[in-house]
Amino acid sequence: SHKTESSEELNVLFIGNSLTYFYDMPQTLQMMLNETHPNIKIDQSTFPGQSLSGHLSEIITSRTENGISTRKKEVGETTETEKKIAEINWDIMILQTGTVSVLIPENRDIKVNKAVSDIKDLVNNPNCEFILFNTWPSKEEYPKKYCYSGYSIDKSIEDIDYCSPIIENLEQEINVINESYNLVAKSTNIIKSDNGSKFYEIRTSHPEIELYEDDIHPNKYGAFLNACVFYQMLTKKDASELKYNGEIEPKTAKLLKKIAK
């Protein structure tokens, strides 16, 4: 029930962390939309290092460019993201959490799924559509394995280490990541994006294009690619038809738009 064809305003909210906001990805997406669908308005509730569950359970006490200090919210308090969700009747929400949090099965099942469900319950608009933002492999060395303590996941489970599978190579990593997001999308009955596979495709077919700022964050090319993916999801139109290239060289922008399809 998309209203994209009409001029009726469509309000989209990103909830996430630096994987979403690095290099102003939401603003880049808005520039793309302004060219063809100015009725679609992008907003964001994004904080460095914040998990999807933290958006609902933690009060931010201070912030710098690189991090936030938080404390658990108390009864009667509302987090910044909860305030944002209540502000207007959102039409679409794009939910992003740290990749590791979905790779550890217990954390995914207990925390991530619950956070997605809780956000769905907070939304006023019964027709709001939800998109799970499927992230990408990190550039850390193989083999790699990520663990969380039981205590950090939930007080109801034994306080031992809960871990991701041991990841031996890039191909296995993209499969484990996509599978993990699929499980969240299925459990919570929402759709997911395919950003991870697009990063994988460029890393394997176009290694000359660097998408990363560091081991995990997108640089301007990665952010542009992500914006193209969401442009297509929101408009059902081909990003290749966009004139907008932002700060990307035309040849590279053309390739990124094409791969986003």
Protein backbone atom coordinates (compact mmCIF):
# COMPACT_ATOMS: atom_id res chain seq x y z
CA SER A 1 0.00 0.00 0.00
CA HIS A 2 2.80 2.40 -0.94
CA LYS A 3 1.75 5.99 -1.51
CA THR A 4 4.90 6.66 -3.55
CA GLU A 5 3.15 7.39 -6.84
CA SER A 6 1.05 10.21 -5.41
CA SER A 7 2.31 13.46 -3.98
CA GLU A 8 1.10 12.46 -0.54
CA GLU A 9 3.94 12.74 1.95
CA LEU A 10 5.59 9.48 2.91
CA ASN A 11 7.61 9.59 6.13
CA VAL A 12 10.54 7.22 6.53
CA LEU A 13 12.52 6.74 9.76
CA PHE A 14 15.93 5.08 10.05
CA ILE A 15 16.64 3.67 13.51
CA GLY A 16 20.25 2.56 13.89
CA ASN A 17 23.84 3.51 14.57
CA SER A 18 26.95 4.65 12.71
CA LEU A 19 26.57 1.88 10.11
CA THR A 20 23.50 3.87 8.99
CA TYR A 21 24.68 7.47 9.44
CA PHE A 22 28.34 7.34 8.32
CA TYR A 23 28.95 9.69 5.37
CA ASP A 24 25.41 11.05 5.73
CA MET A 25 23.78 8.08 4.05
CA PRO A 26 20.20 9.14 4.98
CA GLN A 27 20.84 12.65 3.60
CA THR A 28 22.31 11.15 0.41
CA LEU A 29 19.17 9.04 0.04
CA GLN A 30 17.06 12.21 0.50
CA MET A 31 18.99 13.93 -2.32
CA MET A 32 18.23 10.98 -4.61
CA LEU A 33 14.55 11.04 -3.65
CA ASN A 34 14.35 14.82 -4.15
CA GLU A 35 15.13 14.23 -7.82
CA THR A 36 12.21 11.85 -8.44
CA HIS A 37 10.04 11.46 -5.32
CA PRO A 38 10.22 14.68 -3.27
CA ASN A 39 7.14 13.50 -1.35
CA ILE A 40 9.29 10.90 0.46
CA LYS A 41 10.88 12.43 3.56
CA ILE A 42 13.76 10.75 5.38
CA ASP A 43 14.44 11.17 9.09
CA GLN A 44 16.69 9.28 11.49
CA SER A 45 17.23 8.30 15.11
CA THR A 46 20.84 7.11 14.99
CA PHE A 47 23.48 7.06 17.72
CA PRO A 48 27.04 5.71 17.69
CA GLY A 49 27.30 2.12 18.88
CA GLN A 50 23.62 1.88 19.76
CA SER A 51 21.94 -1.52 19.41
CA LEU A 52 18.32 -1.80 18.37
CA SER A 53 17.42 -2.95 21.89
CA GLY A 54 19.41 -0.07 23.41
CA HIS A 55 17.30 2.42 21.45
CA LEU A 56 14.37 1.35 23.64
CA SER A 57 16.07 0.63 26.97
CA GLU A 58 18.81 3.24 27.40
CA ILE A 59 18.78 6.94 28.22
CA ILE A 60 21.67 8.83 26.62
CA THR A 61 23.48 10.89 29.25
CA SER A 62 26.18 12.39 27.03
CA ARG A 63 27.49 12.04 23.50
CA THR A 64 30.51 12.85 21.40
CA GLU A 65 31.05 12.26 17.70
CA ASN A 66 32.40 8.78 18.41
CA GLY A 67 30.30 7.50 21.24
CA ILE A 68 27.53 7.86 23.75
CA SER A 69 27.25 7.28 27.48
CA THR A 70 23.99 5.71 28.55
CA ARG A 71 22.16 4.42 31.59
CA LYS A 72 19.22 2.06 31.81
CA LYS A 73 15.93 3.91 31.61
CA GLU A 74 13.73 3.99 34.67
CA VAL A 75 9.97 3.57 34.94
CA GLY A 76 8.17 6.49 33.32
CA GLU A 77 11.16 7.59 31.22
CA THR A 78 11.15 7.70 27.43
CA THR A 79 14.23 7.26 25.24
CA GLU A 80 15.02 9.64 22.37
CA THR A 81 14.08 6.98 19.85
CA GLU A 82 10.77 6.29 21.59
CA LYS A 83 10.03 10.04 21.43
CA LYS A 84 10.91 10.06 17.73
CA ILE A 85 8.66 7.06 17.03
CA ALA A 86 5.75 8.83 18.77
CA GLU A 87 6.32 12.13 16.91
CA ILE A 88 4.41 11.33 13.73
CA ASN A 89 2.66 8.50 11.91
CA TRP A 90 5.63 6.91 10.18
CA ASP A 91 4.90 5.12 6.90
CA ILE A 92 8.15 3.15 6.73
CA MET A 93 10.80 2.29 9.31
CA ILE A 94 14.24 0.94 8.48
CA LEU A 95 15.79 -0.87 11.44
CA GLN A 96 19.54 -1.43 11.77
CA THR A 97 21.57 -3.01 14.55
CA GLY A 98 25.21 -4.05 14.87
CA THR A 99 26.08 -7.08 12.72
CA VAL A 100 27.55 -9.07 15.62
CA SER A 101 24.28 -8.84 17.54
CA VAL A 102 22.52 -10.96 14.91
CA LEU A 103 25.40 -13.44 14.49
CA ILE A 104 25.15 -14.71 18.09
CA PRO A 105 22.01 -16.89 18.07
CA GLU A 106 20.98 -16.32 21.71
CA ASN A 107 21.36 -12.54 21.37
CA ARG A 108 19.46 -12.58 18.10
CA ASP A 109 16.60 -14.62 19.53
CA ILE A 110 16.32 -12.85 22.88
CA LYS A 111 17.30 -9.25 22.13
CA VAL A 112 17.13 -8.41 18.44
CA ASN A 113 13.80 -10.12 17.72
CA LYS A 114 12.28 -8.55 20.82
CA ALA A 115 13.55 -5.07 19.88
CA VAL A 116 12.02 -5.35 16.39
CA SER A 117 8.71 -6.53 17.86
CA ASP A 118 8.74 -3.81 20.51
CA ILE A 119 9.35 -1.12 17.88
CA LYS A 120 6.48 -2.50 15.79
CA ASP A 121 4.23 -2.27 18.87
CA LEU A 122 5.18 1.37 19.52
CA VAL A 123 4.26 2.58 16.03
CA ASN A 124 0.97 4.49 15.74
CA ASN A 125 0.34 3.84 12.06
CA PRO A 126 -1.20 0.36 11.55
CA ASN A 127 -0.05 0.45 7.90
CA CYS A 128 3.57 1.24 8.68
CA GLU A 129 5.99 -0.98 6.74
CA PHE A 130 9.20 -2.22 8.35
CA ILE A 131 12.50 -2.99 6.67
CA LEU A 132 15.37 -4.80 8.39
CA PHE A 133 18.68 -3.29 7.27
CA ASN A 134 20.86 -6.28 6.28
CA THR A 135 24.48 -5.24 6.92
CA TRP A 136 27.76 -6.55 5.46
CA PRO A 137 30.89 -8.55 6.33
CA SER A 138 33.62 -6.85 8.34
CA LYS A 139 37.22 -6.63 7.15
CA GLU A 140 38.66 -8.21 10.29
CA GLU A 141 41.03 -11.12 9.69
CA TYR A 142 39.85 -14.73 9.39
CA PRO A 143 39.12 -16.89 11.21
CA LYS A 144 36.85 -14.82 13.44
CA LYS A 145 34.32 -15.54 16.12
CA TYR A 146 32.27 -13.15 18.25
CA CYS A 147 31.05 -13.82 21.79
CA TYR A 148 28.82 -12.07 24.32
CA SER A 149 28.50 -12.99 27.99
CA GLY A 150 25.15 -14.37 29.07
CA TYR A 151 24.84 -11.49 31.53
CA SER A 152 25.12 -8.92 28.74
CA ILE A 153 22.42 -10.70 26.73
CA ASP A 154 19.78 -11.39 29.39
CA LYS A 155 19.63 -12.06 33.12
CA SER A 156 17.39 -15.08 32.47
CA ILE A 157 20.11 -17.15 30.79
CA GLU A 158 23.21 -18.79 32.22
CA ASP A 159 26.18 -16.43 32.44
CA ILE A 160 28.51 -18.24 30.06
CA ASP A 161 29.87 -17.05 26.74
CA TYR A 162 27.50 -17.27 23.78
CA CYS A 163 29.23 -17.14 20.41
CA SER A 164 28.75 -16.79 16.70
CA PRO A 165 29.87 -19.59 14.41
CA ILE A 166 33.59 -19.56 13.63
CA ILE A 167 33.83 -17.68 10.34
CA GLU A 168 36.61 -18.89 8.03
CA ASN A 169 36.23 -16.78 4.87
CA LEU A 170 34.27 -14.04 3.14
CA GLU A 171 31.84 -16.34 1.37
CA GLN A 172 30.91 -18.08 4.60
CA GLU A 173 30.62 -14.72 6.34
CA ILE A 174 28.11 -13.25 3.90
CA ASN A 175 26.06 -16.45 4.07
CA VAL A 176 26.02 -16.47 7.88
CA ILE A 177 25.11 -12.75 7.96
CA ASN A 178 22.30 -13.06 5.41
CA GLU A 179 20.96 -16.19 7.08
CA SER A 180 20.95 -14.45 10.48
CA TYR A 181 18.99 -11.47 9.14
CA ASN A 182 16.62 -13.85 7.37
CA LEU A 183 15.86 -15.49 10.70
CA VAL A 184 15.11 -12.12 12.32
CA ALA A 185 12.94 -11.04 9.38
CA LYS A 186 11.03 -14.32 9.51
CA SER A 187 10.55 -14.31 13.30
CA THR A 188 9.29 -10.73 13.29
CA ASN A 189 7.41 -10.95 10.00
CA ILE A 190 9.13 -8.05 8.23
CA ILE A 191 11.07 -7.72 4.99
CA LYS A 192 14.81 -7.13 4.81
CA SER A 193 17.18 -5.22 2.58
CA ASP A 194 20.07 -6.81 0.71
CA ASN A 195 22.94 -4.39 1.39
CA GLY A 196 25.26 -7.16 2.57
CA SER A 197 25.14 -9.03 -0.72
CA LYS A 198 25.83 -5.81 -2.63
CA PHE A 199 28.95 -5.15 -0.55
CA TYR A 200 29.99 -8.77 -1.15
CA GLU A 201 29.47 -8.43 -4.90
CA ILE A 202 31.69 -5.36 -5.08
CA ARG A 203 34.38 -6.90 -2.88
CA THR A 204 34.50 -9.98 -5.10
CA SER A 205 33.82 -8.51 -8.58
CA HIS A 206 35.12 -4.93 -8.24
CA PRO A 207 37.84 -4.97 -5.58
CA GLU A 208 39.19 -1.71 -7.03
CA ILE A 209 36.25 0.08 -5.38
CA GLU A 210 36.85 0.50 -1.65
CA LEU A 211 33.58 0.59 0.29
CA TYR A 212 35.02 0.72 3.80
CA GLU A 213 36.34 3.52 5.99
CA ASP A 214 37.80 1.00 8.47
CA ASP A 215 37.02 -2.66 9.29
CA ILE A 216 33.26 -2.16 9.35
CA HIS A 217 32.04 1.39 8.60
CA PRO A 218 31.12 2.42 5.07
CA ASN A 219 33.10 5.20 3.40
CA LYS A 220 31.44 7.56 0.91
CA TYR A 221 31.21 4.79 -1.71
CA GLY A 222 29.66 2.32 0.74
CA ALA A 223 27.20 4.95 1.93
CA PHE A 224 26.28 5.83 -1.67
CA LEU A 225 25.70 2.15 -2.45
CA ASN A 226 23.46 1.80 0.64
CA ALA A 227 21.48 4.89 -0.38
CA CYS A 228 20.96 3.38 -3.86
CA VAL A 229 19.65 0.14 -2.33
CA PHE A 230 17.11 2.02 -0.22
CA TYR A 231 16.17 4.36 -3.08
CA GLN A 232 15.12 1.30 -5.06
CA MET A 233 13.27 -0.27 -2.13
CA LEU A 234 11.34 2.94 -1.43
CA THR A 235 10.50 3.91 -5.00
CA LYS A 236 10.50 0.59 -6.91
CA LYS A 237 12.54 2.56 -9.48
CA ASP A 238 15.98 1.83 -10.89
CA ALA A 239 18.77 3.89 -9.28
CA SER A 240 20.58 3.85 -12.64
CA GLU A 241 18.05 6.39 -13.89
CA LEU A 242 19.15 8.94 -11.26
CA LYS A 243 21.29 11.89 -12.34
CA TYR A 244 22.45 12.46 -8.76
CA ASN A 245 26.03 11.32 -8.05
CA GLY A 246 26.79 13.28 -4.90
CA GLU A 247 30.55 13.33 -4.38
CA ILE A 248 31.16 10.15 -6.36
CA GLU A 249 32.98 10.15 -9.73
CA PRO A 250 30.38 9.52 -12.48
CA LYS A 251 31.94 6.23 -13.63
CA THR A 252 31.98 4.76 -10.11
CA ALA A 253 28.52 6.15 -9.30
CA LYS A 254 27.15 4.47 -12.42
CA LEU A 255 28.55 1.12 -11.34
CA LEU A 256 27.29 1.46 -7.76
CA LYS A 257 23.80 2.35 -9.02
CA LYS A 258 23.83 -0.67 -11.33
CA ILE A 259 24.97 -3.12 -8.64
CA ALA A 260 22.34 -1.82 -6.21
CA LYS A 261 19.65 -3.32 -8.46
